Amino acid sequence: MDFALAGAGIGLAEPTQSAVVSQLLPDRLRGRGFGVLGAIQAAGDVVATVVAGLLYT
């Protein structure tokens, strides 16, 4: 159940984050903004995986 709730939260948050980046940044900075967003999301995925592994083992 925990992972289902986490998946639902991610499913709501990530499209919203992308929409915010596309709306707030000018065209010339949009690619960089999506790159930064992707890097932050990837770092969060790594941390979350490590924490989940520690909690469930």
Protein backbone atom coordinates (compact mmCIF):
# COMPACT_ATOMS: atom_id res chain seq x y z
CA MET A 1 0.00 0.00 0.00
CA ASP A 2 2.84 2.39 0.82
CA PHE A 3 4.37 2.06 -2.62
CA ALA A 4 0.97 2.52 -4.28
CA LEU A 5 0.52 5.81 -2.45
CA ALA A 6 4.05 6.88 -3.34
CA GLY A 7 3.38 6.04 -6.98
CA ALA A 8 0.18 8.05 -6.96
CA GLY A 9 2.00 11.00 -5.43
CA ILE A 10 4.75 10.82 -8.02
CA GLY A 11 2.15 10.53 -10.77
CA LEU A 12 0.60 13.79 -9.60
CA ALA A 13 3.79 15.69 -8.78
CA GLU A 14 6.00 15.05 -11.82
CA PRO A 15 3.60 16.32 -14.50
CA THR A 16 2.92 19.37 -12.34
CA GLN A 17 6.64 20.08 -12.00
CA SER A 18 7.09 19.84 -15.76
CA ALA A 19 4.17 22.18 -16.34
CA VAL A 20 5.62 24.72 -13.92
CA VAL A 21 9.03 24.61 -15.63
CA SER A 22 7.47 25.06 -19.06
CA GLN A 23 5.27 27.95 -17.90
CA LEU A 24 7.79 29.90 -15.82
CA LEU A 25 10.93 29.72 -17.93
CA PRO A 26 11.47 31.59 -21.19
CA ASP A 27 12.10 29.53 -24.32
CA ARG A 28 15.86 30.06 -24.22
CA LEU A 29 16.13 28.62 -20.66
CA ARG A 30 13.52 25.88 -20.89
CA GLY A 31 15.94 23.12 -21.89
CA ARG A 32 18.27 23.96 -19.03
CA GLY A 33 15.32 24.06 -16.63
CA PHE A 34 14.18 20.60 -17.67
CA GLY A 35 17.76 19.36 -17.33
CA VAL A 36 18.00 20.69 -13.78
CA LEU A 37 14.59 19.25 -12.94
CA GLY A 38 15.63 15.84 -14.29
CA ALA A 39 18.88 15.91 -12.31
CA ILE A 40 17.04 16.76 -9.10
CA GLN A 41 14.47 14.03 -9.72
CA ALA A 42 17.22 11.47 -10.42
CA ALA A 43 19.07 12.42 -7.24
CA GLY A 44 15.84 12.06 -5.29
CA ASP A 45 15.25 8.64 -6.84
CA VAL A 46 18.70 7.47 -5.74
CA VAL A 47 18.21 8.72 -2.18
CA ALA A 48 14.70 7.24 -1.98
CA THR A 49 15.93 3.86 -3.23
CA VAL A 50 18.70 3.73 -0.63
CA VAL A 51 16.35 4.77 2.18
CA ALA A 52 13.69 2.25 1.11
CA GLY A 53 16.33 -0.47 0.93
CA LEU A 54 17.53 0.33 4.43
CA LEU A 55 14.00 0.40 5.83
CA TYR A 56 12.84 -2.84 4.22
CA THR A 57 15.91 -5.01 4.89
